[in-house]
Amino acid sequence: MTDSQTPERQTRILVVEDDATLRSVLVTELRDLGYRVDAAENGLKALDALRKFAVDVILLDIKMPEMDGMEVLERIRQEQLS
């Protein structure tokens, strides 16, 4: 965590990755670096999460089942999420 970040305002990251192992590694590493991290296993769950809370950064897999990353980005733009 940098000097400019306080516990009240950590950078919040949403990791969207369908591979459970990779998702787990990303979440663990980012949390170890001091980020507040949420995760979603697909695009639909990512959109649901973004309707509930805002994030600062989205790490988004492009090739996923159900809804690919490009469609997620388009929906975020359409719905003005995050």
Protein backbone atom coordinates (compact mmCIF):
# COMPACT_ATOMS: atom_id res chain seq x y z
CA MET A 1 0.00 0.00 0.00
CA THR A 2 1.42 3.40 -0.92
CA ASP A 3 1.61 6.41 1.38
CA SER A 4 -1.28 8.06 -0.47
CA GLN A 5 -3.61 5.13 0.25
CA THR A 6 -5.25 4.73 3.60
CA PRO A 7 -7.22 1.75 4.88
CA GLU A 8 -10.39 3.79 4.31
CA ARG A 9 -9.62 4.21 0.60
CA GLN A 10 -7.81 1.24 -0.86
CA THR A 11 -7.88 0.75 -4.60
CA ARG A 12 -10.67 -1.75 -5.34
CA ILE A 13 -10.05 -4.26 -8.11
CA LEU A 14 -12.52 -6.67 -9.71
CA VAL A 15 -10.84 -9.77 -11.16
CA VAL A 16 -12.99 -11.47 -13.82
CA GLU A 17 -11.50 -14.82 -14.82
CA ASP A 18 -13.17 -18.15 -15.59
CA ASP A 19 -10.11 -20.25 -14.72
CA ALA A 20 -10.44 -20.86 -10.97
CA THR A 21 -6.72 -21.39 -10.38
CA LEU A 22 -5.66 -18.24 -12.19
CA ARG A 23 -8.44 -16.25 -10.50
CA SER A 24 -7.29 -17.46 -7.08
CA VAL A 25 -3.64 -16.60 -7.78
CA LEU A 26 -4.54 -13.10 -9.02
CA VAL A 27 -6.76 -12.42 -6.01
CA THR A 28 -4.13 -13.66 -3.55
CA GLU A 29 -1.28 -11.70 -5.12
CA LEU A 30 -3.28 -8.47 -5.38
CA ARG A 31 -4.49 -8.73 -1.78
CA ASP A 32 -0.91 -9.37 -0.65
CA LEU A 33 0.01 -6.11 -2.39
CA GLY A 34 -2.62 -4.29 -0.31
CA TYR A 35 -5.47 -3.99 -2.79
CA ARG A 36 -9.10 -4.60 -1.98
CA VAL A 37 -10.07 -7.39 -4.38
CA ASP A 38 -13.35 -8.91 -5.48
CA ALA A 39 -13.67 -11.70 -8.03
CA ALA A 40 -16.19 -12.98 -10.54
CA GLU A 41 -16.00 -16.21 -12.52
CA ASN A 42 -17.74 -14.90 -15.63
CA GLY A 43 -19.05 -11.78 -17.33
CA LEU A 44 -22.59 -12.09 -16.01
CA LYS A 45 -21.38 -12.26 -12.42
CA ALA A 46 -19.03 -9.34 -13.08
CA LEU A 47 -21.94 -7.18 -14.26
CA ASP A 48 -23.97 -8.20 -11.21
CA ALA A 49 -21.07 -7.18 -8.97
CA LEU A 50 -20.68 -3.83 -10.75
CA ARG A 51 -24.36 -3.08 -10.22
CA LYS A 52 -23.78 -3.51 -6.46
CA PHE A 53 -20.50 -1.65 -5.97
CA ALA A 54 -18.01 0.55 -7.80
CA VAL A 55 -14.44 -0.50 -8.53
CA ASP A 56 -11.33 1.39 -9.55
CA VAL A 57 -9.87 -1.29 -11.83
CA ILE A 58 -11.24 -4.32 -13.67
CA LEU A 59 -8.89 -7.14 -14.70
CA LEU A 60 -11.01 -8.82 -17.34
CA ASP A 61 -10.42 -12.06 -19.21
CA ILE A 62 -11.45 -11.65 -22.85
CA LYS A 63 -12.26 -15.30 -23.66
CA MET A 64 -14.90 -16.60 -21.26
CA PRO A 65 -18.00 -18.76 -21.60
CA GLU A 66 -21.49 -17.22 -21.35
CA MET A 67 -20.32 -13.67 -22.04
CA ASP A 68 -16.88 -12.73 -23.34
CA GLY A 69 -14.86 -9.82 -22.03
CA MET A 70 -15.61 -7.57 -25.00
CA GLU A 71 -19.35 -7.93 -24.40
CA VAL A 72 -18.82 -7.17 -20.71
CA LEU A 73 -17.03 -3.94 -21.67
CA GLU A 74 -19.87 -2.98 -24.01
CA ARG A 75 -22.45 -3.61 -21.28
CA ILE A 76 -20.44 -1.55 -18.80
CA ARG A 77 -20.47 1.33 -21.30
CA GLN A 78 -24.18 0.91 -22.06
CA GLU A 79 -25.21 0.76 -18.42
CA GLN A 80 -22.55 3.28 -17.30
CA LEU A 81 -21.38 0.93 -14.57
CA SER A 82 -18.38 1.51 -12.29
